[in-house]
Amino acid sequence: MRTGIAVADADGLAAVSARAIAARLGRSAMALYRRDRRLPALAGALRTR
């Protein structure tokens, strides 16, 4: 979740995507979908910021 918030802080909320987060982590976007079931929680956390 911290990485998604870092993307939003650096590039704006519109820039937050699984692909952008995965790129920061050195992974593929599909790896995030398979491994991290918290992606919906990230969207909620960003909306409350």
C-alpha atoms as a PDB file:
ATOM      1  CA  MET A   1       0.000   0.000   0.000  1.00  0.00           C
ATOM      2  CA  ARG A   2       2.885   2.359   0.721  1.00  0.00           C
ATOM      3  CA  THR A   3       4.091   2.058  -2.849  1.00  0.00           C
ATOM      4  CA  GLY A   4       0.696   3.049  -4.256  1.00  0.00           C
ATOM      5  CA  ILE A   5       0.585   6.088  -2.012  1.00  0.00           C
ATOM      6  CA  ALA A   6       4.128   6.988  -3.073  1.00  0.00           C
ATOM      7  CA  VAL A   7       3.078   6.851  -6.746  1.00  0.00           C
ATOM      8  CA  ALA A   8       0.099   9.111  -5.987  1.00  0.00           C
ATOM      9  CA  ASP A   9       2.249  11.573  -4.069  1.00  0.00           C
ATOM     10  CA  ALA A  10       4.870  11.726  -6.815  1.00  0.00           C
ATOM     11  CA  ASP A  11       2.737  11.601  -9.952  1.00  0.00           C
ATOM     12  CA  GLY A  12      -0.842  12.320  -8.912  1.00  0.00           C
ATOM     13  CA  LEU A  13      -3.800  10.092  -8.186  1.00  0.00           C
ATOM     14  CA  ALA A  14      -4.516   9.510 -11.878  1.00  0.00           C
ATOM     15  CA  ALA A  15      -1.101   7.852 -12.234  1.00  0.00           C
ATOM     16  CA  VAL A  16      -1.850   5.108  -9.705  1.00  0.00           C
ATOM     17  CA  SER A  17      -2.322   1.784 -11.428  1.00  0.00           C
ATOM     18  CA  ALA A  18      -1.286  -1.787 -10.878  1.00  0.00           C
ATOM     19  CA  ARG A  19       1.252  -1.313 -13.660  1.00  0.00           C
ATOM     20  CA  ALA A  20       2.775   1.798 -12.024  1.00  0.00           C
ATOM     21  CA  ILE A  21       2.946   0.133  -8.617  1.00  0.00           C
ATOM     22  CA  ALA A  22       4.461  -3.021 -10.101  1.00  0.00           C
ATOM     23  CA  ALA A  23       7.081  -0.998 -11.957  1.00  0.00           C
ATOM     24  CA  ARG A  24       8.184   0.629  -8.696  1.00  0.00           C
ATOM     25  CA  LEU A  25       8.438  -2.803  -7.098  1.00  0.00           C
ATOM     26  CA  GLY A  26      10.270  -4.379 -10.037  1.00  0.00           C
ATOM     27  CA  ARG A  27       7.417  -6.800 -10.742  1.00  0.00           C
ATOM     28  CA  SER A  28       4.803  -7.334 -13.436  1.00  0.00           C
ATOM     29  CA  ALA A  29       1.269  -6.036 -12.942  1.00  0.00           C
ATOM     30  CA  MET A  30      -0.081  -9.584 -13.113  1.00  0.00           C
ATOM     31  CA  ALA A  31       2.216 -10.597 -10.284  1.00  0.00           C
ATOM     32  CA  LEU A  32       0.453  -8.034  -8.098  1.00  0.00           C
ATOM     33  CA  TYR A  33      -2.984  -9.345  -8.975  1.00  0.00           C
ATOM     34  CA  ARG A  34      -1.963 -12.907  -8.227  1.00  0.00           C
ATOM     35  CA  ARG A  35      -0.069 -12.166  -5.039  1.00  0.00           C
ATOM     36  CA  ASP A  36      -1.648  -9.177  -3.367  1.00  0.00           C
ATOM     37  CA  ARG A  37      -5.352  -9.266  -2.663  1.00  0.00           C
ATOM     38  CA  ARG A  38      -5.150  -5.831  -1.022  1.00  0.00           C
ATOM     39  CA  LEU A  39      -5.414  -3.854  -4.272  1.00  0.00           C
ATOM     40  CA  PRO A  40      -9.038  -2.875  -3.516  1.00  0.00           C
ATOM     41  CA  ALA A  41      -7.907  -1.657  -0.071  1.00  0.00           C
ATOM     42  CA  LEU A  42      -5.314   0.529  -1.750  1.00  0.00           C
ATOM     43  CA  ALA A  43      -7.991   2.253  -3.821  1.00  0.00           C
ATOM     44  CA  GLY A  44      -9.993   2.938  -0.675  1.00  0.00           C
ATOM     45  CA  ALA A  45      -6.983   4.283   1.178  1.00  0.00           C
ATOM     46  CA  LEU A  46      -6.117   6.647  -1.651  1.00  0.00           C
ATOM     47  CA  ARG A  47      -9.677   7.986  -1.778  1.00  0.00           C
ATOM     48  CA  THR A  48      -9.512   8.987   1.886  1.00  0.00           C
ATOM     49  CA  ARG A  49      -6.261  10.945   1.517  1.00  0.00           C
END
